[in-house]
Protein backbone atom coordinates (compact mmCIF):
# COMPACT_ATOMS: atom_id res chain seq x y z
CA MET A 1 64.26 -54.02 -73.88
CA ILE A 2 63.11 -50.54 -72.90
CA ASP A 3 59.99 -49.45 -74.75
CA GLY A 4 60.02 -46.11 -76.48
CA GLY A 5 57.37 -43.55 -75.74
CA MET A 6 55.80 -40.27 -76.76
CA GLN A 7 55.97 -36.95 -75.02
CA PRO A 8 53.31 -36.12 -72.44
CA TYR A 9 51.21 -33.39 -74.03
CA ALA A 10 48.09 -32.36 -72.17
CA LEU A 11 45.20 -31.53 -74.51
CA THR A 12 44.39 -28.13 -73.02
CA LEU A 13 42.53 -25.36 -74.83
CA ASP A 14 45.10 -22.64 -74.16
CA LYS A 15 47.36 -24.33 -76.72
CA PHE A 16 45.14 -23.13 -79.58
CA LEU A 17 45.70 -19.46 -78.75
CA ASP A 18 49.39 -20.06 -78.01
CA HIS A 19 49.73 -21.67 -81.45
CA ALA A 20 47.95 -18.78 -83.15
CA ALA A 21 50.06 -16.18 -81.32
CA LYS A 22 53.29 -17.86 -82.44
CA TRP A 23 52.44 -18.87 -86.00
CA HIS A 24 49.64 -16.47 -87.01
CA PRO A 25 50.39 -13.43 -84.83
CA HIS A 26 48.87 -10.87 -87.20
CA ALA A 27 45.68 -12.75 -88.12
CA GLU A 28 42.94 -10.68 -86.59
CA VAL A 29 39.98 -11.00 -84.29
CA ILE A 30 37.54 -8.30 -85.39
CA THR A 31 34.65 -7.10 -83.21
CA ALA A 32 31.70 -5.01 -84.39
CA VAL A 33 31.15 -2.17 -81.92
CA GLY A 34 28.15 -0.55 -83.60
CA GLY A 35 27.64 2.11 -86.25
CA GLY A 36 29.85 0.25 -88.70
CA ALA A 37 32.94 0.62 -86.50
CA VAL A 38 35.12 -2.36 -85.55
CA GLN A 39 37.82 -3.22 -83.02
CA ARG A 40 40.85 -5.24 -84.14
CA VAL A 41 43.52 -7.28 -82.42
CA GLY A 42 46.00 -9.85 -83.75
CA TYR A 43 46.27 -13.26 -82.12
CA ALA A 44 49.60 -12.29 -80.53
CA GLY A 45 47.99 -9.24 -78.94
CA LEU A 46 44.97 -11.26 -77.86
CA ARG A 47 47.19 -13.86 -76.20
CA GLU A 48 49.07 -11.18 -74.29
CA ARG A 49 45.89 -9.50 -73.09
CA ALA A 50 44.26 -12.80 -72.10
CA GLY A 51 47.35 -13.66 -70.07
CA ARG A 52 46.95 -10.38 -68.20
CA VAL A 53 43.31 -11.25 -67.50
CA SER A 54 44.53 -14.46 -65.84
CA ALA A 55 46.87 -12.42 -63.65
CA LEU A 56 44.09 -10.00 -62.68
CA LEU A 57 41.76 -12.85 -61.79
CA ALA A 58 44.46 -14.51 -59.70
CA GLY A 59 44.93 -11.22 -57.88
CA LEU A 60 41.23 -11.32 -56.97
CA GLY A 61 41.60 -14.77 -55.46
CA VAL A 62 40.45 -16.89 -58.43
CA SER A 63 42.39 -20.14 -58.54
CA ARG A 64 42.47 -23.43 -60.42
CA GLY A 65 39.15 -25.25 -60.28
CA ASP A 66 37.10 -22.13 -59.53
CA ARG A 67 34.27 -21.04 -61.78
CA VAL A 68 34.05 -17.56 -63.26
CA ALA A 69 30.78 -16.62 -64.95
CA THR A 70 30.39 -14.37 -67.99
CA LEU A 71 27.29 -12.44 -69.07
CA ALA A 72 28.51 -11.01 -72.33
CA TRP A 73 28.19 -10.80 -76.12
CA ASN A 74 30.61 -12.05 -78.79
CA THR A 75 33.41 -9.51 -78.39
CA GLN A 76 37.18 -9.32 -78.14
CA ALA A 77 36.96 -8.60 -74.41
CA HIS A 78 34.76 -11.66 -73.88
CA MET A 79 37.26 -13.81 -75.77
CA GLU A 80 40.11 -12.40 -73.69
CA ALA A 81 38.18 -13.31 -70.54
CA TRP A 82 37.38 -16.77 -71.95
CA TYR A 83 41.00 -17.70 -72.56
CA GLY A 84 42.13 -15.90 -69.41
CA ILE A 85 39.76 -17.99 -67.31
CA MET A 86 40.37 -21.32 -69.03
CA GLY A 87 44.12 -20.85 -69.46
CA MET A 88 44.67 -20.55 -65.70
CA GLY A 89 42.67 -23.71 -65.00
CA ALA A 90 39.40 -22.11 -63.90
CA ALA A 91 36.13 -22.89 -65.67
CA CYS A 92 34.16 -20.33 -67.69
CA HIS A 93 30.43 -20.46 -66.90
CA THR A 94 28.68 -18.66 -69.77
CA LEU A 95 25.32 -17.12 -68.85
CA ASN A 96 22.67 -16.55 -71.49
CA PRO A 97 21.24 -13.00 -71.29
CA ARG A 98 18.07 -14.20 -73.01
CA VAL A 99 16.88 -16.49 -70.22
CA THR A 100 15.03 -15.18 -67.19
CA ALA A 101 16.89 -13.55 -64.32
CA GLU A 102 15.53 -16.25 -62.02
CA GLN A 103 17.01 -18.99 -64.22
CA SER A 104 20.39 -17.25 -64.41
CA ALA A 105 20.48 -16.79 -60.64
CA ALA A 106 19.70 -20.47 -60.10
CA MET A 107 22.51 -21.40 -62.50
CA LEU A 108 24.97 -19.18 -60.62
CA GLU A 109 24.02 -20.78 -57.34
CA GLN A 110 24.64 -24.22 -58.86
CA SER A 111 27.96 -23.29 -60.42
CA GLY A 112 29.30 -21.59 -57.30
CA ALA A 113 30.86 -18.74 -59.29
CA LEU A 114 31.99 -15.87 -57.06
CA VAL A 115 33.00 -13.57 -59.93
CA VAL A 116 30.89 -12.52 -62.93
CA VAL A 117 32.27 -10.78 -66.04
CA VAL A 118 29.56 -8.55 -67.54
CA SER A 119 29.27 -6.54 -70.77
CA VAL A 120 28.56 -2.96 -69.78
CA ASP A 121 25.17 -2.80 -71.51
CA LEU A 122 24.04 -5.91 -69.60
CA LEU A 123 24.62 -4.36 -66.17
CA PRO A 124 20.88 -3.64 -65.63
CA LEU A 125 20.17 -7.34 -66.19
CA ALA A 126 23.10 -8.28 -63.96
CA ARG A 127 21.65 -6.18 -61.13
CA THR A 128 18.41 -8.15 -61.31
CA ILE A 129 20.20 -11.50 -61.48
CA LEU A 130 22.63 -10.80 -58.66
CA ALA A 131 19.86 -9.64 -56.35
CA LEU A 132 18.75 -13.28 -56.51
CA ALA A 133 22.27 -14.77 -56.32
CA PRO A 134 23.90 -13.48 -53.12
CA SER A 135 26.87 -15.84 -53.41
CA VAL A 136 28.48 -13.68 -56.13
CA ALA A 137 31.05 -11.34 -54.58
CA ARG A 138 32.41 -9.34 -57.52
CA VAL A 139 31.43 -7.99 -60.94
CA LEU A 140 34.05 -7.25 -63.60
CA VAL A 141 32.86 -5.01 -66.45
CA ILE A 142 34.00 -5.36 -70.07
CA ASP A 143 33.14 -3.66 -73.38
CA GLY A 144 32.95 -0.21 -71.83
CA VAL A 145 33.00 1.82 -68.63
CA PRO A 146 29.89 1.84 -66.43
CA ALA A 147 28.23 5.02 -65.29
CA ASP A 148 28.14 5.92 -61.62
CA GLY A 149 25.56 3.91 -59.73
CA GLU A 150 25.21 1.20 -62.38
CA GLY A 151 26.84 -1.50 -60.33
CA PRO A 152 24.85 -4.12 -58.44
CA PRO A 153 24.44 -3.01 -54.81
CA CYS A 154 25.14 -6.53 -53.56
CA CYS A 155 28.82 -6.78 -54.52
CA SER A 156 31.89 -4.81 -55.56
CA MET A 157 32.44 -3.81 -59.18
CA SER A 158 35.43 -2.80 -61.28
CA VAL A 159 36.45 -2.67 -64.92
CA LEU A 160 38.35 -5.70 -66.24
CA ASP A 161 41.18 -3.92 -68.04
CA PRO A 162 44.14 -6.11 -69.08
CA ASP A 163 46.34 -3.00 -69.27
CA GLN A 164 46.04 -2.67 -65.49
CA ALA A 165 47.89 -5.93 -64.84
CA ALA A 166 51.30 -5.51 -63.28
CA PRO A 167 54.21 -6.08 -65.71
CA GLY A 168 55.52 -9.61 -65.55
CA ALA A 169 52.55 -10.85 -63.54
CA GLU A 170 51.38 -13.27 -66.23
CA LEU A 171 50.49 -16.80 -65.07
CA VAL A 172 51.70 -20.02 -66.62
CA TRP A 173 48.91 -21.52 -68.72
CA GLY A 174 47.99 -25.17 -69.13
CA ASP A 175 49.99 -26.63 -66.23
CA PHE A 176 47.13 -28.89 -65.19
CA ASP A 177 45.47 -32.16 -66.18
CA GLU A 178 43.61 -32.19 -69.50
CA ASN A 179 40.49 -33.49 -67.75
CA THR A 180 40.24 -30.25 -65.76
CA ALA A 181 36.92 -28.46 -66.25
CA SER A 182 37.18 -25.68 -68.84
CA GLY A 183 33.59 -24.52 -69.21
CA LEU A 184 30.04 -24.80 -67.99
CA CYS A 185 26.94 -24.30 -70.13
CA PHE A 186 23.34 -24.99 -69.19
CA THR A 187 20.90 -26.62 -71.59
CA SER A 188 18.23 -24.42 -73.15
CA GLY A 189 15.42 -25.71 -70.96
CA THR A 190 12.91 -25.81 -73.83
CA THR A 191 11.58 -29.18 -72.65
CA GLY A 192 12.35 -29.03 -68.93
CA ALA A 193 14.56 -27.44 -66.30
CA PRO A 194 18.01 -26.41 -67.60
CA LYS A 195 20.83 -28.78 -66.68
CA GLY A 196 24.52 -27.93 -66.35
CA VAL A 197 27.01 -29.49 -68.79
CA VAL A 198 30.65 -29.28 -67.68
CA TYR A 199 33.20 -29.35 -70.50
CA SER A 200 36.77 -30.50 -69.96
CA HIS A 201 39.87 -29.25 -71.75
CA ARG A 202 40.27 -32.68 -73.32
CA SER A 203 36.70 -32.79 -74.60
CA GLY A 204 36.99 -29.30 -76.07
CA TYR A 205 40.34 -30.06 -77.68
CA LEU A 206 39.05 -33.22 -79.36
CA HIS A 207 35.85 -31.43 -80.41
CA THR A 208 38.00 -28.78 -82.11
CA LEU A 209 39.97 -31.41 -84.03
CA ARG A 210 36.64 -32.84 -85.20
CA LEU A 211 35.50 -29.42 -86.41
CA LEU A 212 38.66 -29.03 -88.46
CA GLN A 213 38.09 -32.21 -90.47
CA ALA A 214 37.53 -31.42 -94.16
CA ASP A 215 34.01 -32.88 -94.28
CA VAL A 216 32.99 -30.98 -91.15
CA VAL A 217 33.94 -27.28 -91.00
CA GLY A 218 37.39 -27.62 -92.53
CA LEU A 219 38.67 -24.12 -91.74
CA THR A 220 42.01 -22.90 -93.09
CA ALA A 221 44.20 -19.85 -92.56
CA ALA A 222 42.64 -18.37 -95.71
CA ASP A 223 39.19 -18.20 -94.09
CA THR A 224 37.45 -15.34 -92.35
CA VAL A 225 34.89 -16.79 -89.97
CA LEU A 226 31.81 -15.01 -88.62
CA ALA A 227 30.59 -16.45 -85.32
CA ALA A 228 26.95 -15.33 -85.36
CA VAL A 229 26.21 -18.08 -82.86
CA PRO A 230 26.64 -16.67 -79.33
CA MET A 231 29.61 -17.59 -77.18
CA PHE A 232 27.11 -18.40 -74.43
CA HIS A 233 25.55 -21.08 -76.67
CA ALA A 234 27.75 -24.18 -76.33
CA ASN A 235 31.03 -22.32 -76.83
CA ALA A 236 29.88 -20.64 -80.06
CA TRP A 237 29.97 -24.15 -81.55
CA GLY A 238 33.71 -24.25 -80.87
CA LEU A 239 34.66 -21.56 -83.40
CA PRO A 240 36.71 -19.44 -80.92
CA PHE A 241 38.94 -22.52 -80.57
CA ALA A 242 38.91 -23.68 -84.19
CA ALA A 243 39.74 -20.31 -85.79
CA PRO A 244 42.99 -19.68 -83.87
CA ALA A 245 43.92 -23.36 -84.25
CA VAL A 246 44.41 -22.75 -87.99
CA GLY A 247 45.04 -18.99 -87.96
CA ALA A 248 41.72 -18.04 -89.55
CA ARG A 249 40.47 -14.49 -89.03
CA LEU A 250 37.56 -14.43 -86.57
CA VAL A 251 34.73 -11.88 -86.79
CA LEU A 252 32.61 -11.27 -83.70
CA PRO A 253 29.34 -9.34 -84.18
CA GLY A 254 28.83 -8.19 -80.58
CA ARG A 255 25.12 -7.94 -79.99
CA HIS A 256 24.45 -6.77 -83.57
CA LEU A 257 22.70 -9.71 -85.23
CA ASP A 258 20.14 -7.85 -87.33
CA GLY A 259 20.22 -8.39 -91.08
CA ALA A 260 21.60 -4.95 -91.94
CA SER A 261 24.47 -5.17 -89.46
CA LEU A 262 25.44 -8.68 -90.54
CA ALA A 263 25.28 -7.81 -94.24
CA GLY A 264 27.61 -4.86 -93.71
CA LEU A 265 30.00 -6.84 -91.54
CA ILE A 266 30.19 -9.78 -93.96
CA ALA A 267 30.80 -7.50 -96.95
CA GLU A 268 33.35 -5.22 -95.28
CA GLN A 269 35.38 -7.96 -93.60
CA GLY A 270 35.30 -10.47 -96.47
CA VAL A 271 33.69 -13.22 -94.43
CA THR A 272 33.97 -16.63 -96.14
CA VAL A 273 32.28 -18.90 -93.56
CA ALA A 274 29.51 -17.98 -91.12
CA ALA A 275 27.68 -19.97 -88.47
CA GLY A 276 24.34 -19.35 -86.77
CA VAL A 277 20.77 -20.46 -86.23
CA PRO A 278 18.23 -20.30 -89.12
CA THR A 279 16.47 -17.20 -87.80
CA VAL A 280 19.71 -15.20 -88.07
CA TRP A 281 20.12 -16.14 -91.74
CA LEU A 282 16.44 -15.46 -92.40
CA GLY A 283 16.99 -11.91 -91.11
CA LEU A 284 20.07 -11.50 -93.32
CA LEU A 285 18.22 -12.81 -96.37
CA ASN A 286 15.18 -10.60 -95.78
CA HIS A 287 17.46 -7.56 -95.60
CA ILE A 288 19.30 -8.44 -98.81
CA GLU A 289 16.04 -9.14 -100.65
CA ALA A 290 14.50 -5.87 -99.46
CA HIS A 291 17.50 -3.56 -99.90
CA GLY A 292 19.70 -5.30 -102.44
CA GLY A 293 23.42 -5.89 -102.21
CA GLU A 294 25.78 -8.79 -102.75
CA LEU A 295 28.04 -10.82 -100.48
CA PRO A 296 30.62 -12.19 -102.94
CA SER A 297 33.13 -13.38 -100.34
CA LEU A 298 30.61 -15.56 -98.48
CA LYS A 299 30.94 -19.22 -99.50
CA ARG A 300 29.33 -21.23 -96.70
CA LEU A 301 26.64 -20.88 -94.07
CA MET A 302 26.70 -23.37 -91.21
CA VAL A 303 23.22 -23.82 -89.77
CA GLY A 304 22.29 -25.52 -86.51
CA GLY A 305 20.31 -25.14 -83.33
CA ALA A 306 16.96 -25.57 -85.06
CA PRO A 307 15.64 -27.27 -88.23
CA MET A 308 16.26 -25.53 -91.55
CA SER A 309 13.23 -25.44 -93.87
CA GLU A 310 13.68 -26.54 -97.46
CA ALA A 311 12.26 -23.23 -98.71
CA LEU A 312 14.67 -21.11 -96.65
CA MET A 313 17.68 -23.22 -97.69
CA ALA A 314 16.76 -22.80 -101.36
CA ARG A 315 16.30 -19.04 -100.98
CA LEU A 316 19.66 -18.64 -99.24
CA GLU A 317 21.59 -20.67 -101.77
CA GLN A 318 19.95 -19.02 -104.78
CA ARG A 319 20.07 -15.40 -103.61
CA LEU A 320 23.42 -15.42 -101.82
CA GLY A 321 25.21 -18.04 -103.90
CA VAL A 322 26.34 -19.93 -100.80
CA THR A 323 26.48 -23.54 -99.72
CA VAL A 324 24.31 -24.24 -96.68
CA GLN A 325 25.69 -26.85 -94.29
CA THR A 326 22.94 -28.25 -92.11
CA SER A 327 23.96 -29.84 -88.83
CA TRP A 328 22.68 -31.34 -85.61
CA GLY A 329 24.05 -31.05 -82.12
CA MET A 330 23.27 -30.42 -78.48
CA THR A 331 24.81 -28.60 -75.55
CA GLU A 332 25.59 -32.09 -74.23
CA LEU A 333 27.67 -32.85 -77.34
CA SER A 334 29.95 -29.77 -77.07
CA PRO A 335 27.80 -29.26 -79.34
CA LEU A 336 28.49 -30.80 -82.79
CA GLY A 337 27.05 -34.23 -83.49
CA THR A 338 26.64 -34.40 -87.27
CA ILE A 339 27.03 -32.08 -90.26
CA THR A 340 26.45 -32.30 -93.99
CA PRO A 341 29.74 -32.21 -95.95
CA PRO A 342 29.94 -28.97 -97.95
CA ASP A 343 30.56 -30.67 -101.28
CA ASP A 344 27.81 -33.30 -101.02
CA PRO A 345 25.82 -32.89 -104.27
CA GLY A 346 22.68 -34.43 -102.78
CA ARG A 347 22.39 -32.05 -99.82
CA GLN A 348 18.88 -31.64 -98.46
CA ALA A 349 17.50 -29.32 -95.80
CA ALA A 350 16.11 -32.32 -93.91
CA TRP A 351 19.58 -33.84 -93.53
CA ALA A 352 21.41 -33.29 -90.25
CA GLY A 353 24.53 -34.74 -91.88
CA ARG A 354 26.90 -37.51 -90.91
CA PRO A 355 28.98 -37.98 -87.76
CA ALA A 356 32.67 -37.19 -87.91
CA MET A 357 35.27 -39.46 -86.36
CA GLY A 358 34.86 -39.24 -82.60
CA VAL A 359 31.06 -39.45 -82.50
CA ASP A 360 28.98 -42.62 -82.75
CA LEU A 361 25.21 -42.91 -83.19
CA ARG A 362 22.66 -45.63 -82.69
CA LEU A 363 18.88 -45.97 -82.91
CA THR A 364 16.80 -47.84 -80.35
CA ASP A 365 13.19 -48.62 -79.63
CA GLU A 366 11.32 -46.75 -76.89
CA HIS A 367 12.79 -49.11 -74.27
CA GLY A 368 16.41 -48.41 -75.27
CA GLU A 369 16.95 -51.68 -77.14
CA PRO A 370 18.99 -51.17 -80.35
CA LEU A 371 17.01 -51.57 -83.56
CA ALA A 372 18.05 -54.68 -85.48
CA GLU A 373 18.26 -52.57 -88.65
CA GLN A 374 19.98 -49.19 -88.19
CA ARG A 375 19.22 -47.84 -91.68
CA ASP A 376 15.93 -46.42 -92.95
CA ARG A 377 14.13 -47.07 -89.67
CA GLU A 378 12.88 -44.45 -87.24
CA GLY A 379 14.07 -44.81 -83.68
CA HIS A 380 15.22 -43.02 -80.57
CA LEU A 381 18.66 -41.45 -81.11
CA TRP A 382 21.55 -42.20 -78.74
CA VAL A 383 25.13 -40.91 -79.02
CA ARG A 384 28.50 -41.44 -77.38
CA GLY A 385 31.98 -40.01 -77.79
CA ALA A 386 34.83 -38.11 -76.19
CA SER A 387 32.90 -34.81 -76.22
CA VAL A 388 29.56 -36.16 -74.98
CA VAL A 389 28.27 -35.45 -71.49
CA GLY A 390 28.84 -38.19 -68.93
CA ARG A 391 27.11 -36.62 -65.95
CA TYR A 392 25.21 -33.38 -65.42
CA LEU A 393 26.37 -30.83 -62.87
CA GLY A 394 25.17 -31.78 -59.40
CA HIS A 395 23.59 -35.06 -60.48
CA ASP A 396 24.39 -38.25 -58.60
CA GLN A 397 23.62 -40.58 -61.49
CA PRO A 398 25.36 -40.67 -64.88
CA ALA A 399 23.61 -39.20 -67.91
CA THR A 400 24.38 -42.34 -69.92
CA ASP A 401 23.54 -46.00 -69.84
CA ASP A 402 26.09 -48.56 -68.62
CA GLN A 403 27.72 -48.66 -72.08
CA GLY A 404 28.21 -44.90 -72.24
CA TRP A 405 25.32 -44.13 -74.61
CA PHE A 406 23.50 -40.83 -74.06
CA ALA A 407 19.79 -40.61 -74.94
CA THR A 408 19.34 -37.39 -76.90
CA GLY A 409 15.54 -37.32 -76.72
CA ASP A 410 15.39 -37.03 -80.51
CA LEU A 411 13.57 -39.29 -82.91
CA ALA A 412 15.64 -39.92 -86.01
CA ARG A 413 16.29 -41.96 -89.12
CA ILE A 414 19.63 -42.80 -90.77
CA ASP A 415 19.48 -43.29 -94.53
CA GLY A 416 21.49 -45.75 -96.59
CA HIS A 417 24.34 -43.26 -97.02
CA GLY A 418 24.66 -42.58 -93.30
CA ASN A 419 22.83 -39.24 -93.31
CA LEU A 420 21.00 -38.48 -90.08
CA ILE A 421 17.48 -37.11 -90.39
CA ILE A 422 15.95 -35.77 -87.18
CA THR A 423 12.25 -36.57 -87.38
CA GLY A 424 11.11 -35.05 -84.09
CA ARG A 425 11.48 -34.88 -80.34
CA ALA A 426 10.18 -37.76 -78.27
CA LYS A 427 8.68 -35.25 -75.81
CA ASP A 428 6.87 -33.47 -78.66
CA LEU A 429 4.95 -36.56 -79.76
CA ILE A 430 1.20 -36.12 -79.65
CA LYS A 431 -0.96 -39.02 -78.45
CA SER A 432 -4.35 -38.85 -80.17
CA GLY A 433 -6.87 -41.61 -79.61
CA GLY A 434 -4.11 -43.87 -78.26
CA GLU A 435 -1.90 -43.42 -81.37
CA TRP A 436 1.20 -41.30 -81.80
CA ILE A 437 1.53 -38.29 -84.15
CA ASN A 438 5.02 -36.95 -84.91
CA PRO A 439 4.95 -33.12 -85.21
CA GLY A 440 8.38 -33.08 -86.88
CA GLU A 441 7.08 -34.79 -90.03
CA ILE A 442 4.24 -32.28 -90.37
CA GLU A 443 6.58 -29.33 -89.73
CA ALA A 444 9.02 -30.49 -92.41
CA ILE A 445 6.30 -30.63 -95.06
CA VAL A 446 4.67 -27.32 -94.18
CA GLY A 447 8.05 -25.64 -93.76
CA ALA A 448 8.85 -26.40 -97.40
CA LEU A 449 5.97 -24.21 -98.62
CA ALA A 450 7.10 -20.98 -100.25
CA SER A 451 4.81 -18.87 -98.09
CA VAL A 452 5.98 -20.32 -94.76
CA SER A 453 9.07 -19.18 -92.86
CA GLN A 454 8.60 -21.40 -89.81
CA ALA A 455 6.09 -24.01 -88.71
CA ALA A 456 5.39 -25.66 -85.37
CA VAL A 457 2.91 -28.34 -84.36
CA ILE A 458 1.75 -28.77 -80.78
CA GLY A 459 -0.83 -30.96 -79.11
CA ARG A 460 -4.04 -29.26 -77.96
CA ALA A 461 -6.19 -30.85 -75.26
CA ASP A 462 -9.23 -32.61 -76.70
CA ALA A 463 -12.11 -34.09 -74.68
CA ARG A 464 -12.61 -37.01 -77.06
CA TRP A 465 -9.15 -37.87 -78.38
CA GLY A 466 -6.96 -36.67 -75.50
CA GLU A 467 -4.85 -34.47 -77.81
CA ARG A 468 -5.19 -33.17 -81.34
CA PRO A 469 -2.49 -31.47 -83.45
CA LEU A 470 -2.56 -27.70 -83.91
CA LEU A 471 -0.43 -26.10 -86.66
CA ILE A 472 1.17 -22.71 -86.03
CA VAL A 473 2.87 -20.91 -88.93
CA GLU A 474 4.90 -17.77 -89.46
CA THR A 475 4.52 -16.55 -93.04
CA ASN A 476 7.27 -14.79 -94.97
CA GLY A 477 5.36 -12.30 -97.10
CA ALA A 478 5.25 -14.48 -100.21
CA ALA A 479 1.90 -15.32 -101.80
CA LEU A 480 -0.08 -16.39 -98.77
CA ALA A 481 -1.65 -19.83 -98.80
CA ASP A 482 -5.02 -20.22 -97.12
CA ASP A 483 -5.64 -22.90 -94.51
CA GLN A 484 -6.96 -25.39 -97.05
CA GLU A 485 -3.89 -25.07 -99.27
CA ILE A 486 -1.60 -25.66 -96.29
CA LEU A 487 -3.54 -28.73 -95.19
CA ASP A 488 -3.71 -30.00 -98.79
CA ALA A 489 0.11 -30.09 -98.81
CA LEU A 490 -0.14 -32.74 -96.08
CA ARG A 491 -2.81 -34.91 -97.66
CA GLY A 492 -1.43 -38.16 -98.98
CA ARG A 493 1.90 -37.55 -97.23
CA VAL A 494 0.74 -38.17 -93.66
CA ALA A 495 -2.12 -40.22 -92.27
CA SER A 496 -5.46 -38.44 -92.56
CA TRP A 497 -5.94 -38.44 -88.80
CA TRP A 498 -2.61 -36.60 -88.47
CA LEU A 499 -4.04 -33.52 -90.21
CA PRO A 500 -4.07 -30.56 -87.78
CA ASP A 501 -7.45 -29.47 -86.52
CA ALA A 502 -6.61 -25.80 -87.07
CA VAL A 503 -3.99 -23.45 -88.51
CA ILE A 504 -2.93 -20.41 -86.49
CA ARG A 505 -0.85 -17.66 -88.06
CA VAL A 506 1.58 -15.63 -85.94
CA PRO A 507 3.58 -12.57 -87.04
CA ALA A 508 6.73 -13.98 -85.42
CA MET A 509 7.36 -17.39 -83.95
CA PRO A 510 8.34 -17.19 -80.26
CA LEU A 511 11.94 -18.28 -79.86
CA ALA A 512 13.77 -19.72 -76.88
CA ALA A 513 17.08 -18.28 -75.75
CA THR A 514 19.10 -20.37 -78.21
CA GLY A 515 16.99 -19.51 -81.28
CA LYS A 516 14.84 -22.64 -81.26
CA ILE A 517 11.07 -22.37 -81.49
CA ASP A 518 9.75 -22.11 -77.94
CA LYS A 519 7.21 -24.92 -77.85
CA MET A 520 6.70 -24.56 -74.12
CA ARG A 521 5.36 -21.06 -74.73
CA LEU A 522 3.26 -22.20 -77.68
CA ARG A 523 1.70 -24.92 -75.54
CA SER A 524 1.02 -22.41 -72.79
CA GLU A 525 -0.69 -19.98 -75.17
CA TYR A 526 -2.48 -22.34 -77.55
CA GLY A 527 -2.45 -25.83 -76.06
CA GLN A 528 -5.54 -25.68 -73.85
């Protein structure tokens, strides 16, 4: 008997845009270009233009397996370049304009990219980066036309204009193995040197299917999605793949992430779902509270990248009438690991949510041995799945153990309902008098105070105890609590010897390039 079989169908990311172009051709990608103006293109038009980008890149010598870097904001032109690069079988290496030029140059040298696509207003930064990365041969400019003399002196420069592609020069997309590299993103480097995570088409495709599950993001063609998370931050959490997969409208804010710009964009475009880090939504909320206005179309805010305080979540839900979905993820996870279902009546800011099908979690002791009881016990968090890193770029050894488990570096607890609660970072633990203090527990309590926008605890060198905790807070303009009131909130909830030795107030918490609190900088400034 001859067995039947199924069609070979490579899980490549270009298929999402092809699907949208065929079945949702007029659903729009909308880009804010400043001053309230927007740029619009339907998915059919975007697919055509991205195909021309592939042809232009091929004409410059880019071929399958090459890496093309981008230094750009969330814009239509960046998305065209994204799909143009990935569709032809090259890998898109997204550079973060908020890291140092030295770091970006080192990343370019590791990736081996010879071509860099740059937003026109980032050309001054590109000049500095490329002076330190001589391997780059060409700069392609998007989002505008550069002035004379703006180009880096080290390499040739031209405008990446899809309309300049020769008629009929479009390449065939997706004619390669699904395990081909599609993207490259470096970790934030908040706890050490950044490491390169290489995504495959297969991993991105399966990650997108996870996003579309009803208890995860659950987008539909009726949604208008605002990607306030940058495309250079772990593929904008996968939204530029998920939106065309279902024909949802996609709104890209460019570099305009201030509260006033976002409020106007959400209201004018009828945004229903938006995703970003807590500081972005704090800016939006502060603007609305100060200047008034309503956002009736907005139903959900997806929050990740950094912990969400209980006080901020309550303010957002009460003032904006939205549901806040807290989540947890990492660059190494593509990035989504867990998310709180939108209709869970018991949602709490401390919850990181539950894993969707395709991600598995486990807790271990400090030696990597699984805890006998996986519920209501704190342990070191490990994860595995089809969209989890297996090996970092340029590393000889795998990033996992011999069973495929990846150590996240997080401390966590899983409650009886399967909700993940991140309780801290293993590297953030403070050893005082030979005993461990977990800053995450202190930060969660202080962050719930009405007067506190953000809280961070670091270890400060101490001659007697080795380290002692120091509490740093950013207040939000509400009735200000004095030091004693802040410390009183901790009494009885943490051990007495966990109480911070001092409280330092800062006007704005220093943030790393991905929107997380920059504890390396805090330690440098206050830890001695």
